[in-house]
Each structure stands twice: as C-alpha cells, then as structure tokens.
C-alpha cells in the first residue's frame, strides 16, 4: 500500500488529515493522533466525497 500524504485541505499547524489511497480503498487518519488508527473508505465513496468538497457541496 502506498505511503501516507497530507491532505491539501489541511493547514500547516492544526487541521492535519493524512490519506493513503489505492485503486480500491482510501484510509484517512488524523496526523495529530495517529495512534488512534484510521478510517477506511471504498475508493468510490472517497471519490464522491472529494467531488462534493471540490464543488462546495460540503
């Protein structure tokens, strides 16, 4: 699985979300609290979420 990368929607100091993506899933975690684990989404749901964020729906 590819490595984690910081979301472009996170700021530099506090609101840090990290994501790692494959063709099938996206894992999302809080970079300030990595020990709490991550949430896994099917790739289709993650893509739909990002589309809504980009268009301002969310």
Protein backbone atom coordinates (compact mmCIF):
# COMPACT_ATOMS: atom_id res chain seq x y z
CA UNK A 1 0.00 0.00 0.00
CA UNK A 2 1.35 3.47 -0.83
CA UNK A 3 2.51 5.82 1.91
CA UNK A 4 0.51 8.47 3.70
CA UNK A 5 0.25 12.02 2.35
CA UNK A 6 -1.16 15.14 3.93
CA UNK A 7 -4.42 16.42 2.54
CA UNK A 8 -4.15 19.63 0.54
CA UNK A 9 -7.17 20.87 2.51
CA UNK A 10 -5.25 20.67 5.81
CA UNK A 11 -3.49 23.69 7.22
CA UNK A 12 0.13 23.52 8.30
CA UNK A 13 -0.39 23.51 12.05
CA UNK A 14 -3.63 22.09 13.38
CA UNK A 15 -6.16 20.58 10.96
CA UNK A 16 -3.99 17.80 9.61
CA UNK A 17 -5.56 14.89 7.79
CA UNK A 18 -3.45 12.24 6.12
CA UNK A 19 -4.65 9.92 3.38
CA UNK A 20 -3.29 6.83 1.64
CA UNK A 21 -5.10 5.63 -1.45
CA UNK A 22 -5.19 2.59 -3.70
CA UNK A 23 -7.50 1.73 -6.58
CA UNK A 24 -9.85 0.07 -4.09
CA UNK A 25 -9.70 1.97 -0.77
CA UNK A 26 -8.74 5.23 0.92
CA UNK A 27 -7.52 5.29 4.51
CA UNK A 28 -7.87 8.57 6.41
CA UNK A 29 -6.31 9.49 9.76
CA UNK A 30 -5.66 12.48 11.99
CA UNK A 31 -1.95 13.19 11.79
CA UNK A 32 -2.03 14.68 15.30
CA UNK A 33 -3.39 11.39 16.71
CA UNK A 34 -2.00 8.60 14.53
CA UNK A 35 -2.16 6.13 17.42
CA UNK A 36 -5.96 6.21 17.20
CA UNK A 37 -5.88 4.43 13.85
CA UNK A 38 -7.64 5.29 10.62
CA UNK A 39 -10.98 5.09 8.84
CA UNK A 40 -11.19 3.10 5.60
CA UNK A 41 -13.50 4.10 2.74
CA UNK A 42 -14.20 2.31 -0.54
CA UNK A 43 -12.49 4.23 -3.35
CA UNK A 44 -15.83 5.07 -5.00
CA UNK A 45 -17.13 6.71 -1.80
CA UNK A 46 -13.89 8.63 -1.28
CA UNK A 47 -14.01 9.93 -4.85
CA UNK A 48 -17.62 11.04 -4.40
CA UNK A 49 -16.72 12.83 -1.16
CA UNK A 50 -13.81 14.67 -2.80
CA UNK A 51 -16.01 15.69 -5.73
CA UNK A 52 -18.54 17.20 -3.32
CA UNK A 53 -15.81 19.07 -1.43
CA UNK A 54 -14.40 20.48 -4.66
CA UNK A 55 -17.78 21.73 -5.87
CA UNK A 56 -18.66 23.25 -2.49
CA UNK A 57 -21.44 20.78 -1.73
CA UNK A 58 -19.77 20.04 1.63
